[in-house]
Amino acid sequence: MHILNKIIARAGVVSGAAVLAIGAIAAAQSAASASVAGTVTASTACGQPFNLTAPRGTIQLAVVAYGGNGGSGGAAASSNDPGQGGKAGGVTVTVKAKPGQKFHGVIGCGGQNAPQGGGVVGTGGQGGAGFEAGANGGDGWYCIGIPGACINGPDGSGGGGGGSTGLTKGTSTTPLLVAAGGGGGGESMCAGSSGGSGGNGGNPKGAAGGTGAENGDPGGLGGLAGSAVLPTNGAQGVEVDGDAAGNGGGGAGYGGGQGGPSGNAADCSSGGGGGGGASYVAAGSVSHKYTQAPAGNGNNGSMTVIWVK
């Protein structure tokens, strides 16, 4: 008879989506005349590596993982419509495993939300730590009429990209799975001029970030699955006389998203969102499915591991 032993490695509370996915795995095992044993919970901070060892009798390892969501963009004093952070990617995977095998994981942190409102330093939100770290949002800038005479601030910036959640086996550096981070949101420059939303993490490819309003900066491209490309930072705003929007940072993944690039520099042109990272599952899994994390600017990722006996 199969027995499920659960070890939950998490940052904060496991999301509702994760609980539903866990329920789906448990239901599948129950259909095969399985029973569920006691649950052991181990908590770990996002961005901190942890180690797992398959217990005696293990034949499979089932994992539900989510990356970190992107952080929201900032907003100028006259605006309250920043770009929202992209939702992280998720993966539900079952792989073969043997007793005593070692696994190593890192949970992705959410990207930092950019500062809101005028009078704040326009430094972009930091990318979330993780298996791969998300990229930073672009700084907001204010220029004073002389080309090149710009200062950092004081009107918001782009949000940071979310970090990815990943798991490796033994001494291998190639991941068994990666749940991608979401892209950071772009800065909103004026009332009615919304920042571009961050792209969602992979399904498995990452989605592109949204374009800023008022003929604003374009969004960054999403990551491509199965590549070791790192996410890129959101571009700084470019303006000759006036404010310039910061763009969202790319989300991390096995194939990182691109930060929103600089585009038009007109007044009230808002920043573009960063692209979401790509999720990944190594070849040879028993089964796998790509999913999406719930919305929530800067939410941390999570991972649940189920030992199947």
C-alpha atoms as a PDB file:
ATOM      1  CA  MET A   1       0.000   0.000   0.000  1.00  0.00           C
ATOM      2  CA  HIS A   2       1.289   3.453  -0.881  1.00  0.00           C
ATOM      3  CA  ILE A   3       1.915   5.865   1.988  1.00  0.00           C
ATOM      4  CA  LEU A   4       2.205   9.644   1.617  1.00  0.00           C
ATOM      5  CA  ASN A   5       4.580  11.443   3.940  1.00  0.00           C
ATOM      6  CA  LYS A   6       4.431  15.202   3.467  1.00  0.00           C
ATOM      7  CA  ILE A   7       7.210  17.643   4.160  1.00  0.00           C
ATOM      8  CA  ILE A   8       6.229  21.239   3.556  1.00  0.00           C
ATOM      9  CA  ALA A   9       9.042  23.729   2.980  1.00  0.00           C
ATOM     10  CA  ARG A  10       7.489  27.164   2.826  1.00  0.00           C
ATOM     11  CA  ALA A  11       7.886  30.895   3.328  1.00  0.00           C
ATOM     12  CA  GLY A  12       4.817  32.104   5.202  1.00  0.00           C
ATOM     13  CA  VAL A  13       1.551  30.263   4.574  1.00  0.00           C
ATOM     14  CA  VAL A  14       1.114  27.827   1.683  1.00  0.00           C
ATOM     15  CA  SER A  15      -1.250  29.469  -0.817  1.00  0.00           C
ATOM     16  CA  GLY A  16      -4.745  28.269  -1.569  1.00  0.00           C
ATOM     17  CA  ALA A  17      -3.628  27.254  -5.041  1.00  0.00           C
ATOM     18  CA  ALA A  18      -0.919  25.072  -3.515  1.00  0.00           C
ATOM     19  CA  VAL A  19      -3.447  23.429  -1.213  1.00  0.00           C
ATOM     20  CA  LEU A  20      -5.682  22.622  -4.185  1.00  0.00           C
ATOM     21  CA  ALA A  21      -2.758  21.129  -6.087  1.00  0.00           C
ATOM     22  CA  ILE A  22      -1.751  19.052  -3.069  1.00  0.00           C
ATOM     23  CA  GLY A  23      -5.326  17.823  -2.844  1.00  0.00           C
ATOM     24  CA  ALA A  24      -5.181  16.740  -6.487  1.00  0.00           C
ATOM     25  CA  ILE A  25      -2.038  14.679  -5.846  1.00  0.00           C
ATOM     26  CA  ALA A  26      -3.526  13.142  -2.736  1.00  0.00           C
ATOM     27  CA  ALA A  27      -6.725  12.264  -4.611  1.00  0.00           C
ATOM     28  CA  ALA A  28      -4.734  10.544  -7.341  1.00  0.00           C
ATOM     29  CA  GLN A  29      -2.829   8.497  -4.788  1.00  0.00           C
ATOM     30  CA  SER A  30      -6.060   7.651  -2.963  1.00  0.00           C
ATOM     31  CA  ALA A  31      -7.543   6.342  -6.204  1.00  0.00           C
ATOM     32  CA  ALA A  32      -4.639   3.862  -6.246  1.00  0.00           C
ATOM     33  CA  SER A  33      -5.666   2.540  -2.784  1.00  0.00           C
ATOM     34  CA  ALA A  34      -3.212   4.858  -0.992  1.00  0.00           C
ATOM     35  CA  SER A  35      -3.446   6.101   2.568  1.00  0.00           C
ATOM     36  CA  VAL A  36      -2.102   9.351   3.996  1.00  0.00           C
ATOM     37  CA  ALA A  37       0.337   9.191   6.883  1.00  0.00           C
ATOM     38  CA  GLY A  38       1.121  11.957   9.366  1.00  0.00           C
ATOM     39  CA  THR A  39       2.386  15.293   8.103  1.00  0.00           C
ATOM     40  CA  VAL A  40       5.773  16.735   9.060  1.00  0.00           C
ATOM     41  CA  THR A  41       6.163  20.472   8.516  1.00  0.00           C
ATOM     42  CA  ALA A  42       9.517  22.212   8.086  1.00  0.00           C
ATOM     43  CA  SER A  43       9.601  25.957   7.455  1.00  0.00           C
ATOM     44  CA  THR A  44      12.372  27.841   5.720  1.00  0.00           C
ATOM     45  CA  ALA A  45      12.772  31.464   4.713  1.00  0.00           C
ATOM     46  CA  CYS A  46      12.553  32.240   1.031  1.00  0.00           C
ATOM     47  CA  GLY A  47      15.938  32.613  -0.612  1.00  0.00           C
ATOM     48  CA  GLN A  48      17.565  30.199   1.862  1.00  0.00           C
ATOM     49  CA  PRO A  49      18.769  26.797   0.542  1.00  0.00           C
ATOM     50  CA  PHE A  50      17.389  23.679   2.229  1.00  0.00           C
ATOM     51  CA  ASN A  51      18.126  19.952   1.941  1.00  0.00           C
ATOM     52  CA  LEU A  52      15.817  16.928   1.871  1.00  0.00           C
ATOM     53  CA  THR A  53      16.573  13.181   2.075  1.00  0.00           C
ATOM     54  CA  ALA A  54      14.163  10.578   0.714  1.00  0.00           C
ATOM     55  CA  PRO A  55      13.035   8.322   3.586  1.00  0.00           C
ATOM     56  CA  ARG A  56      13.001   4.526   3.606  1.00  0.00           C
ATOM     57  CA  GLY A  57      10.565   2.950   1.179  1.00  0.00           C
ATOM     58  CA  THR A  58      10.308   5.976  -1.123  1.00  0.00           C
ATOM     59  CA  ILE A  59       9.529   5.201  -4.775  1.00  0.00           C
ATOM     60  CA  GLN A  60       8.422   8.628  -5.989  1.00  0.00           C
ATOM     61  CA  LEU A  61       8.676  12.303  -5.113  1.00  0.00           C
ATOM     62  CA  ALA A  62       5.715  14.612  -5.767  1.00  0.00           C
ATOM     63  CA  VAL A  63       6.291  18.371  -5.652  1.00  0.00           C
ATOM     64  CA  VAL A  64       4.045  21.436  -5.798  1.00  0.00           C
ATOM     65  CA  ALA A  65       6.100  24.617  -6.241  1.00  0.00           C
ATOM     66  CA  TYR A  66       5.445  28.310  -6.907  1.00  0.00           C
ATOM     67  CA  GLY A  67       7.896  31.124  -7.606  1.00  0.00           C
ATOM     68  CA  GLY A  68       7.729  34.625  -6.136  1.00  0.00           C
ATOM     69  CA  ASN A  69       5.322  37.177  -7.583  1.00  0.00           C
ATOM     70  CA  GLY A  70       6.612  40.393  -9.116  1.00  0.00           C
ATOM     71  CA  GLY A  71       6.515  43.623  -7.144  1.00  0.00           C
ATOM     72  CA  SER A  72       4.216  46.493  -8.100  1.00  0.00           C
ATOM     73  CA  GLY A  73       5.558  49.579  -9.819  1.00  0.00           C
ATOM     74  CA  GLY A  74       5.739  52.971  -8.163  1.00  0.00           C
ATOM     75  CA  ALA A  75       3.605  56.016  -8.868  1.00  0.00           C
ATOM     76  CA  ALA A  76       4.119  59.744  -9.109  1.00  0.00           C
ATOM     77  CA  ALA A  77       2.359  61.999  -6.617  1.00  0.00           C
ATOM     78  CA  SER A  78      -0.463  62.716  -9.085  1.00  0.00           C
ATOM     79  CA  SER A  79      -1.151  59.055  -9.863  1.00  0.00           C
ATOM     80  CA  ASN A  80      -2.456  55.990  -8.051  1.00  0.00           C
ATOM     81  CA  ASP A  81      -2.328  53.474 -10.888  1.00  0.00           C
ATOM     82  CA  PRO A  82       1.017  51.630 -10.784  1.00  0.00           C
ATOM     83  CA  GLY A  83       1.617  48.504 -12.842  1.00  0.00           C
ATOM     84  CA  GLN A  84       0.754  45.356 -10.916  1.00  0.00           C
ATOM     85  CA  GLY A  85       3.352  42.659 -10.353  1.00  0.00           C
ATOM     86  CA  GLY A  86       3.053  39.531 -12.511  1.00  0.00           C
ATOM     87  CA  LYS A  87       1.858  36.259 -11.027  1.00  0.00           C
ATOM     88  CA  ALA A  88       4.520  33.615 -10.502  1.00  0.00           C
ATOM     89  CA  GLY A  89       4.562  30.337 -12.364  1.00  0.00           C
ATOM     90  CA  GLY A  90       3.847  27.037 -10.644  1.00  0.00           C
ATOM     91  CA  VAL A  91       4.643  23.402 -11.342  1.00  0.00           C
ATOM     92  CA  THR A  92       3.154  20.146 -10.036  1.00  0.00           C
ATOM     93  CA  VAL A  93       5.615  17.329 -10.702  1.00  0.00           C
ATOM     94  CA  THR A  94       6.043  13.630  -9.854  1.00  0.00           C
ATOM     95  CA  VAL A  95       9.450  11.980 -10.378  1.00  0.00           C
ATOM     96  CA  LYS A  96      10.980   8.620  -9.486  1.00  0.00           C
ATOM     97  CA  ALA A  97      13.023   8.582  -6.269  1.00  0.00           C
ATOM     98  CA  LYS A  98      14.976   6.130  -4.118  1.00  0.00           C
ATOM     99  CA  PRO A  99      15.534   5.964  -0.347  1.00  0.00           C
ATOM    100  CA  GLY A 100      18.502   8.051   0.742  1.00  0.00           C
ATOM    101  CA  GLN A 101      18.565  10.317  -2.330  1.00  0.00           C
ATOM    102  CA  LYS A 102      19.442  13.921  -1.566  1.00  0.00           C
ATOM    103  CA  PHE A 103      17.487  16.876  -2.907  1.00  0.00           C
ATOM    104  CA  HIS A 104      18.324  20.564  -2.616  1.00  0.00           C
ATOM    105  CA  GLY A 105      15.869  23.422  -2.970  1.00  0.00           C
ATOM    106  CA  VAL A 106      15.407  27.170  -2.728  1.00  0.00           C
ATOM    107  CA  ILE A 107      12.079  29.011  -2.488  1.00  0.00           C
ATOM    108  CA  GLY A 108      11.719  32.219  -4.485  1.00  0.00           C
ATOM    109  CA  CYS A 109      11.016  35.525  -2.742  1.00  0.00           C
ATOM    110  CA  GLY A 110       8.600  38.064  -4.170  1.00  0.00           C
ATOM    111  CA  GLY A 111       9.978  41.134  -5.925  1.00  0.00           C
ATOM    112  CA  GLN A 112      10.047  44.325  -3.902  1.00  0.00           C
ATOM    113  CA  ASN A 113       7.187  46.762  -4.412  1.00  0.00           C
ATOM    114  CA  ALA A 114       8.456  50.129  -5.653  1.00  0.00           C
ATOM    115  CA  PRO A 115       7.866  53.239  -3.533  1.00  0.00           C
ATOM    116  CA  GLN A 116       4.628  55.120  -4.090  1.00  0.00           C
ATOM    117  CA  GLY A 117       3.948  58.845  -4.420  1.00  0.00           C
ATOM    118  CA  GLY A 118       6.049  61.965  -4.854  1.00  0.00           C
ATOM    119  CA  GLY A 119       8.784  62.957  -2.458  1.00  0.00           C
ATOM    120  CA  VAL A 120      10.313  59.484  -2.324  1.00  0.00           C
ATOM    121  CA  VAL A 121      13.622  58.408  -3.763  1.00  0.00           C
ATOM    122  CA  GLY A 122      12.977  56.804  -7.149  1.00  0.00           C
ATOM    123  CA  THR A 123      15.055  53.659  -6.650  1.00  0.00           C
ATOM    124  CA  GLY A 124      13.687  50.558  -8.353  1.00  0.00           C
ATOM    125  CA  GLY A 125      12.368  47.678  -6.282  1.00  0.00           C
ATOM    126  CA  GLN A 126      14.873  44.874  -5.708  1.00  0.00           C
ATOM    127  CA  GLY A 127      14.404  41.519  -7.372  1.00  0.00           C
ATOM    128  CA  GLY A 128      13.444  38.648  -5.077  1.00  0.00           C
ATOM    129  CA  ALA A 129      16.072  36.118  -4.032  1.00  0.00           C
ATOM    130  CA  GLY A 130      15.616  32.470  -4.974  1.00  0.00           C
ATOM    131  CA  PHE A 131      16.943  29.569  -7.030  1.00  0.00           C
ATOM    132  CA  GLU A 132      17.645  32.399  -9.462  1.00  0.00           C
ATOM    133  CA  ALA A 133      17.086  35.951  -8.279  1.00  0.00           C
ATOM    134  CA  GLY A 134      14.609  38.234 -10.010  1.00  0.00           C
ATOM    135  CA  ALA A 135      15.935  41.403 -11.624  1.00  0.00           C
ATOM    136  CA  ASN A 136      15.683  44.883 -10.149  1.00  0.00           C
ATOM    137  CA  GLY A 137      13.181  47.482 -11.292  1.00  0.00           C
ATOM    138  CA  GLY A 138      14.432  50.581 -13.101  1.00  0.00           C
ATOM    139  CA  ASP A 139      14.973  53.846 -11.236  1.00  0.00           C
ATOM    140  CA  GLY A 140      12.671  56.810 -11.729  1.00  0.00           C
ATOM    141  CA  TRP A 141      14.482  59.987 -12.761  1.00  0.00           C
ATOM    142  CA  TYR A 142      13.854  63.712 -12.784  1.00  0.00           C
ATOM    143  CA  CYS A 143      15.687  65.932 -15.266  1.00  0.00           C
ATOM    144  CA  ILE A 144      16.152  69.692 -15.121  1.00  0.00           C
ATOM    145  CA  GLY A 145      16.301  70.875 -18.701  1.00  0.00           C
ATOM    146  CA  ILE A 146      19.956  70.191 -19.396  1.00  0.00           C
ATOM    147  CA  PRO A 147      20.752  66.973 -21.281  1.00  0.00           C
ATOM    148  CA  GLY A 148      22.378  64.578 -18.862  1.00  0.00           C
ATOM    149  CA  ALA A 149      21.471  66.670 -15.806  1.00  0.00           C
ATOM    150  CA  CYS A 150      19.220  64.126 -14.091  1.00  0.00           C
ATOM    151  CA  ILE A 151      18.802  63.063 -10.488  1.00  0.00           C
ATOM    152  CA  ASN A 152      17.371  59.906  -8.957  1.00  0.00           C
ATOM    153  CA  GLY A 153      13.805  60.485  -7.742  1.00  0.00           C
ATOM    154  CA  PRO A 154      11.475  61.785  -6.531  1.00  0.00           C
ATOM    155  CA  ASP A 155       8.596  60.039  -8.301  1.00  0.00           C
ATOM    156  CA  GLY A 156       8.588  56.285  -7.886  1.00  0.00           C
ATOM    157  CA  SER A 157      10.224  53.569 -10.003  1.00  0.00           C
ATOM    158  CA  GLY A 158       9.721  50.045 -11.378  1.00  0.00           C
ATOM    159  CA  GLY A 159       8.915  46.978  -9.267  1.00  0.00           C
ATOM    160  CA  GLY A 160      11.352  44.098  -8.780  1.00  0.00           C
ATOM    161  CA  GLY A 161      10.955  40.741 -10.514  1.00  0.00           C
ATOM    162  CA  GLY A 162      10.101  37.674  -8.438  1.00  0.00           C
ATOM    163  CA  GLY A 163      12.687  34.985  -7.643  1.00  0.00           C
ATOM    164  CA  SER A 164      12.256  31.436  -8.905  1.00  0.00           C
ATOM    165  CA  THR A 165      11.703  28.299  -6.806  1.00  0.00           C
ATOM    166  CA  GLY A 166      13.823  25.308  -7.797  1.00  0.00           C
ATOM    167  CA  LEU A 167      14.851  21.798  -6.817  1.00  0.00           C
ATOM    168  CA  THR A 168      17.946  19.759  -7.787  1.00  0.00           C
ATOM    169  CA  LYS A 169      18.990  16.155  -7.060  1.00  0.00           C
ATOM    170  CA  GLY A 170      22.311  15.011  -5.616  1.00  0.00           C
ATOM    171  CA  THR A 171      25.320  16.953  -6.840  1.00  0.00           C
ATOM    172  CA  SER A 172      23.715  17.988 -10.117  1.00  0.00           C
ATOM    173  CA  THR A 173      23.349  21.692 -10.807  1.00  0.00           C
ATOM    174  CA  THR A 174      20.726  21.052 -13.499  1.00  0.00           C
ATOM    175  CA  PRO A 175      17.290  21.517 -11.949  1.00  0.00           C
ATOM    176  CA  LEU A 176      14.598  18.882 -11.700  1.00  0.00           C
ATOM    177  CA  LEU A 177      12.088  21.707 -11.736  1.00  0.00           C
ATOM    178  CA  VAL A 178      11.885  25.496 -11.695  1.00  0.00           C
ATOM    179  CA  ALA A 179       8.769  27.517 -10.875  1.00  0.00           C
ATOM    180  CA  ALA A 180       9.312  30.959 -12.383  1.00  0.00           C
ATOM    181  CA  GLY A 181       8.936  34.387 -10.839  1.00  0.00           C
ATOM    182  CA  GLY A 182       6.579  37.073 -12.125  1.00  0.00           C
ATOM    183  CA  GLY A 183       7.775  40.312 -13.722  1.00  0.00           C
ATOM    184  CA  GLY A 184       7.773  43.624 -11.864  1.00  0.00           C
ATOM    185  CA  GLY A 185       5.226  46.332 -12.661  1.00  0.00           C
ATOM    186  CA  GLY A 186       6.105  49.625 -14.370  1.00  0.00           C
ATOM    187  CA  GLU A 187       5.844  53.073 -12.827  1.00  0.00           C
ATOM    188  CA  SER A 188       2.745  55.221 -13.318  1.00  0.00           C
ATOM    189  CA  MET A 189       3.639  58.807 -14.172  1.00  0.00           C
ATOM    190  CA  CYS A 190       0.366  60.766 -14.141  1.00  0.00           C
ATOM    191  CA  ALA A 191      -3.277  60.368 -13.171  1.00  0.00           C
ATOM    192  CA  GLY A 192      -4.910  58.117 -15.742  1.00  0.00           C
ATOM    193  CA  SER A 193      -1.556  56.914 -17.067  1.00  0.00           C
ATOM    194  CA  SER A 194      -1.167  53.399 -15.692  1.00  0.00           C
ATOM    195  CA  GLY A 195       2.110  51.551 -15.509  1.00  0.00           C
ATOM    196  CA  GLY A 196       2.446  48.338 -17.490  1.00  0.00           C
ATOM    197  CA  SER A 197       1.734  45.168 -15.537  1.00  0.00           C
ATOM    198  CA  GLY A 198       4.469  42.601 -15.012  1.00  0.00           C
ATOM    199  CA  GLY A 199       4.260  39.480 -17.163  1.00  0.00           C
ATOM    200  CA  ASN A 200       3.168  36.252 -15.508  1.00  0.00           C
ATOM    201  CA  GLY A 201       5.684  33.510 -14.813  1.00  0.00           C
ATOM    202  CA  GLY A 202       5.992  30.551 -17.149  1.00  0.00           C
ATOM    203  CA  ASN A 203       3.389  28.213 -18.477  1.00  0.00           C
ATOM    204  CA  PRO A 204       6.088  27.176 -19.343  1.00  0.00           C
ATOM    205  CA  LYS A 205       7.176  30.264 -21.321  1.00  0.00           C
ATOM    206  CA  GLY A 206       7.043  33.566 -19.461  1.00  0.00           C
ATOM    207  CA  ALA A 207       4.544  36.216 -20.579  1.00  0.00           C
ATOM    208  CA  ALA A 208       5.667  39.633 -21.792  1.00  0.00           C
ATOM    209  CA  GLY A 209       5.165  42.657 -19.567  1.00  0.00           C
ATOM    210  CA  GLY A 210       2.491  45.235 -20.369  1.00  0.00           C
ATOM    211  CA  THR A 211       3.163  48.561 -22.116  1.00  0.00           C
ATOM    212  CA  GLY A 212       2.903  51.752 -20.083  1.00  0.00           C
ATOM    213  CA  ALA A 213      -0.005  54.092 -20.856  1.00  0.00           C
ATOM    214  CA  GLU A 214       0.242  57.411 -22.719  1.00  0.00           C
ATOM    215  CA  ASN A 215       2.470  55.946 -25.405  1.00  0.00           C
ATOM    216  CA  GLY A 216       4.722  54.708 -22.629  1.00  0.00           C
ATOM    217  CA  ASP A 217       7.629  52.302 -22.504  1.00  0.00           C
ATOM    218  CA  PRO A 218       7.068  48.777 -23.832  1.00  0.00           C
ATOM    219  CA  GLY A 219       7.060  45.719 -21.636  1.00  0.00           C
ATOM    220  CA  GLY A 220       9.978  43.298 -21.469  1.00  0.00           C
ATOM    221  CA  LEU A 221       9.810  39.933 -23.213  1.00  0.00           C
ATOM    222  CA  GLY A 222       9.024  36.792 -21.253  1.00  0.00           C
ATOM    223  CA  GLY A 223      11.652  34.111 -20.667  1.00  0.00           C
ATOM    224  CA  LEU A 224      11.997  31.048 -22.903  1.00  0.00           C
ATOM    225  CA  ALA A 225      11.797  27.657 -21.204  1.00  0.00           C
ATOM    226  CA  GLY A 226      14.878  25.466 -20.870  1.00  0.00           C
ATOM    227  CA  SER A 227      17.546  28.164 -21.093  1.00  0.00           C
ATOM    228  CA  ALA A 228      20.033  29.437 -18.541  1.00  0.00           C
ATOM    229  CA  VAL A 229      19.415  33.071 -19.519  1.00  0.00           C
ATOM    230  CA  LEU A 230      19.288  35.342 -16.480  1.00  0.00           C
ATOM    231  CA  PRO A 231      16.554  37.978 -16.052  1.00  0.00           C
ATOM    232  CA  THR A 232      17.486  41.570 -16.858  1.00  0.00           C
ATOM    233  CA  ASN A 233      16.899  44.734 -14.872  1.00  0.00           C
ATOM    234  CA  GLY A 234      14.210  47.213 -15.822  1.00  0.00           C
ATOM    235  CA  ALA A 235      15.573  50.209 -17.699  1.00  0.00           C
ATOM    236  CA  GLN A 236      15.867  53.612 -16.129  1.00  0.00           C
ATOM    237  CA  GLY A 237      13.573  56.301 -17.404  1.00  0.00           C
ATOM    238  CA  VAL A 238      14.978  58.679 -20.035  1.00  0.00           C
ATOM    239  CA  GLU A 239      13.746  62.275 -20.226  1.00  0.00           C
ATOM    240  CA  VAL A 240      15.201  65.611 -21.286  1.00  0.00           C
ATOM    241  CA  ASP A 241      12.978  67.880 -19.219  1.00  0.00           C
ATOM    242  CA  GLY A 242      10.573  66.402 -16.706  1.00  0.00           C
ATOM    243  CA  ASP A 243       9.932  63.093 -15.000  1.00  0.00           C
ATOM    244  CA  ALA A 244      10.884  59.723 -16.445  1.00  0.00           C
ATOM    245  CA  ALA A 245       9.298  56.416 -15.511  1.00  0.00           C
ATOM    246  CA  GLY A 246      11.172  53.397 -14.204  1.00  0.00           C
ATOM    247  CA  ASN A 247      10.408  50.027 -15.785  1.00  0.00           C
ATOM    248  CA  GLY A 248       9.709  46.688 -14.109  1.00  0.00           C
ATOM    249  CA  GLY A 249      12.430  44.061 -13.633  1.00  0.00           C
ATOM    250  CA  GLY A 250      12.269  40.632 -15.258  1.00  0.00           C
ATOM    251  CA  GLY A 251      11.131  37.577 -13.320  1.00  0.00           C
ATOM    252  CA  ALA A 252      13.587  34.736 -12.667  1.00  0.00           C
ATOM    253  CA  GLY A 253      13.221  31.254 -14.116  1.00  0.00           C
ATOM    254  CA  TYR A 254      15.001  28.633 -16.182  1.00  0.00           C
ATOM    255  CA  GLY A 255      14.976  31.302 -18.831  1.00  0.00           C
ATOM    256  CA  GLY A 256      14.680  34.770 -17.200  1.00  0.00           C
ATOM    257  CA  GLY A 257      12.316  37.543 -18.297  1.00  0.00           C
ATOM    258  CA  GLN A 258      13.605  40.822 -19.709  1.00  0.00           C
ATOM    259  CA  GLY A 259      13.202  44.096 -17.881  1.00  0.00           C
ATOM    260  CA  GLY A 260      11.018  46.761 -19.441  1.00  0.00           C
ATOM    261  CA  PRO A 261      13.215  48.790 -21.861  1.00  0.00           C
ATOM    262  CA  SER A 262      13.292  52.562 -22.183  1.00  0.00           C
ATOM    263  CA  GLY A 263      11.056  53.834 -24.951  1.00  0.00           C
ATOM    264  CA  ASN A 264       9.273  57.155 -25.334  1.00  0.00           C
ATOM    265  CA  ALA A 265      10.278  59.945 -23.019  1.00  0.00           C
ATOM    266  CA  ALA A 266       7.250  62.213 -23.195  1.00  0.00           C
ATOM    267  CA  ASP A 267       5.667  63.606 -20.044  1.00  0.00           C
ATOM    268  CA  CYS A 268       3.116  61.187 -18.540  1.00  0.00           C
ATOM    269  CA  SER A 269       4.490  58.210 -20.472  1.00  0.00           C
ATOM    270  CA  SER A 270       4.456  55.388 -17.936  1.00  0.00           C
ATOM    271  CA  GLY A 271       6.904  52.523 -17.516  1.00  0.00           C
ATOM    272  CA  GLY A 272       6.568  49.066 -19.015  1.00  0.00           C
ATOM    273  CA  GLY A 273       6.323  45.869 -16.962  1.00  0.00           C
ATOM    274  CA  GLY A 274       9.069  43.270 -16.783  1.00  0.00           C
ATOM    275  CA  GLY A 275       8.619  39.927 -18.521  1.00  0.00           C
ATOM    276  CA  GLY A 276       7.834  36.814 -16.503  1.00  0.00           C
ATOM    277  CA  GLY A 277      10.413  34.049 -16.162  1.00  0.00           C
ATOM    278  CA  ALA A 278      10.076  30.586 -17.720  1.00  0.00           C
ATOM    279  CA  SER A 279       9.144  27.511 -15.694  1.00  0.00           C
ATOM    280  CA  TYR A 280      10.846  24.191 -16.353  1.00  0.00           C
ATOM    281  CA  VAL A 281      10.511  20.465 -15.689  1.00  0.00           C
ATOM    282  CA  ALA A 282      13.367  18.101 -16.580  1.00  0.00           C
ATOM    283  CA  ALA A 283      12.734  15.287 -19.035  1.00  0.00           C
ATOM    284  CA  GLY A 284      11.810  11.924 -17.554  1.00  0.00           C
ATOM    285  CA  SER A 285       9.196  12.987 -15.003  1.00  0.00           C
ATOM    286  CA  VAL A 286       6.375  10.559 -14.258  1.00  0.00           C
ATOM    287  CA  SER A 287       3.904  13.421 -14.693  1.00  0.00           C
ATOM    288  CA  HIS A 288       3.921  17.212 -14.611  1.00  0.00           C
ATOM    289  CA  LYS A 289       1.629  20.182 -14.997  1.00  0.00           C
ATOM    290  CA  TYR A 290       2.269  23.932 -15.264  1.00  0.00           C
ATOM    291  CA  THR A 291       0.110  26.188 -13.115  1.00  0.00           C
ATOM    292  CA  GLN A 292      -0.084  29.812 -11.929  1.00  0.00           C
ATOM    293  CA  ALA A 293       0.228  31.381  -8.495  1.00  0.00           C
ATOM    294  CA  PRO A 294      -2.560  33.597  -7.128  1.00  0.00           C
ATOM    295  CA  ALA A 295      -2.261  37.348  -7.651  1.00  0.00           C
ATOM    296  CA  GLY A 296      -0.592  39.413  -4.943  1.00  0.00           C
ATOM    297  CA  ASN A 297       2.139  42.002  -5.393  1.00  0.00           C
ATOM    298  CA  GLY A 298       5.439  40.748  -3.974  1.00  0.00           C
ATOM    299  CA  ASN A 299       4.072  37.492  -2.517  1.00  0.00           C
ATOM    300  CA  ASN A 300       6.724  34.877  -1.707  1.00  0.00           C
ATOM    301  CA  GLY A 301       6.754  31.473  -3.341  1.00  0.00           C
ATOM    302  CA  SER A 302       6.313  28.059  -1.709  1.00  0.00           C
ATOM    303  CA  MET A 303       7.158  24.387  -2.120  1.00  0.00           C
ATOM    304  CA  THR A 304       5.465  21.216  -0.885  1.00  0.00           C
ATOM    305  CA  VAL A 305       7.185  17.831  -1.153  1.00  0.00           C
ATOM    306  CA  ILE A 306       5.306  14.535  -0.855  1.00  0.00           C
ATOM    307  CA  TRP A 307       7.229  11.265  -0.445  1.00  0.00           C
ATOM    308  CA  VAL A 308       5.337   8.418  -2.095  1.00  0.00           C
ATOM    309  CA  LYS A 309       6.011   4.905  -0.718  1.00  0.00           C
END
